[in-house]
Protein backbone atom coordinates (compact mmCIF):
# COMPACT_ATOMS: atom_id res chain seq x y z
CA MET A 1 -50.20 -5.19 -23.32
CA MET A 2 -46.92 -5.86 -22.00
CA PRO A 3 -43.59 -4.46 -22.99
CA ASP A 4 -41.12 -6.76 -24.55
CA LEU A 5 -38.62 -7.11 -21.70
CA GLY A 6 -36.34 -9.38 -23.88
CA LYS A 7 -33.69 -11.14 -22.30
CA TYR A 8 -34.65 -8.89 -19.15
CA ALA A 9 -38.38 -10.67 -19.03
CA GLY A 10 -37.10 -13.23 -15.87
CA THR A 11 -35.74 -10.94 -13.80
CA VAL A 12 -38.61 -8.12 -14.10
CA LEU A 13 -41.44 -10.55 -13.93
CA SER A 14 -39.73 -12.38 -10.69
CA ALA A 15 -39.07 -8.93 -8.74
CA TYR A 16 -42.64 -8.33 -9.62
CA GLY A 17 -43.62 -11.53 -8.35
CA VAL A 18 -42.07 -11.05 -5.30
CA THR A 19 -42.52 -7.87 -4.71
CA LEU A 20 -46.50 -8.63 -4.80
CA ALA A 21 -45.72 -11.74 -2.64
CA LEU A 22 -44.05 -9.25 -0.16
CA LEU A 23 -46.70 -6.69 -0.06
CA ALA A 24 -49.58 -9.73 0.24
CA ALA A 25 -47.49 -10.76 3.42
CA LEU A 26 -47.33 -7.34 5.02
CA VAL A 27 -51.05 -6.62 4.73
CA ALA A 28 -51.95 -10.01 6.28
CA LEU A 29 -49.62 -9.72 9.02
CA SER A 30 -50.99 -5.96 9.70
CA LEU A 31 -54.44 -7.69 9.52
CA TRP A 32 -52.91 -10.28 11.79
CA ARG A 33 -51.52 -8.70 14.21
CA GLY A 34 -54.03 -5.73 14.30
CA ALA A 35 -56.98 -8.52 15.26
CA ARG A 36 -54.49 -10.08 18.05
CA VAL A 37 -54.24 -6.38 19.93
CA LYS A 38 -57.81 -5.57 19.55
CA ARG A 39 -58.97 -8.63 21.59
CA ALA A 40 -55.79 -7.80 23.93
CA LEU A 41 -57.14 -4.46 24.25
CA GLU A 42 -61.04 -5.66 24.93
CA ALA A 43 -59.57 -8.69 27.26
CA GLN A 44 -57.92 -5.60 29.45
CA GLU A 45 -60.69 -3.76 29.18
CA ARG A 46 -63.03 -6.62 30.97
CA ARG A 47 -60.15 -7.19 33.34
CA MET A 48 -60.54 -3.26 34.70
CA GLY A 49 -64.24 -3.26 34.26
CA ARG A 50 -64.85 -1.19 31.56
CA ASN A 51 -67.76 -3.04 29.73
CA GLY A 52 -68.43 -0.97 26.51
C-alpha cells in the first residue's frame, strides 16, 4: 500500500504528520473564531434591539 521511501521515510512521514496537524489546527481555529464572531454579532444585535 505505502511506497518504499527508503532513507527518506522519516522525513516524508514527519512532513505528512506536520501538515495534518497544521490543517487540523487551522480548522479548529476557524471554527473557534467563527463561533466567537457569531456570539459577538448576536450580542450586538440584542443591544441594538433587533431580536430575530
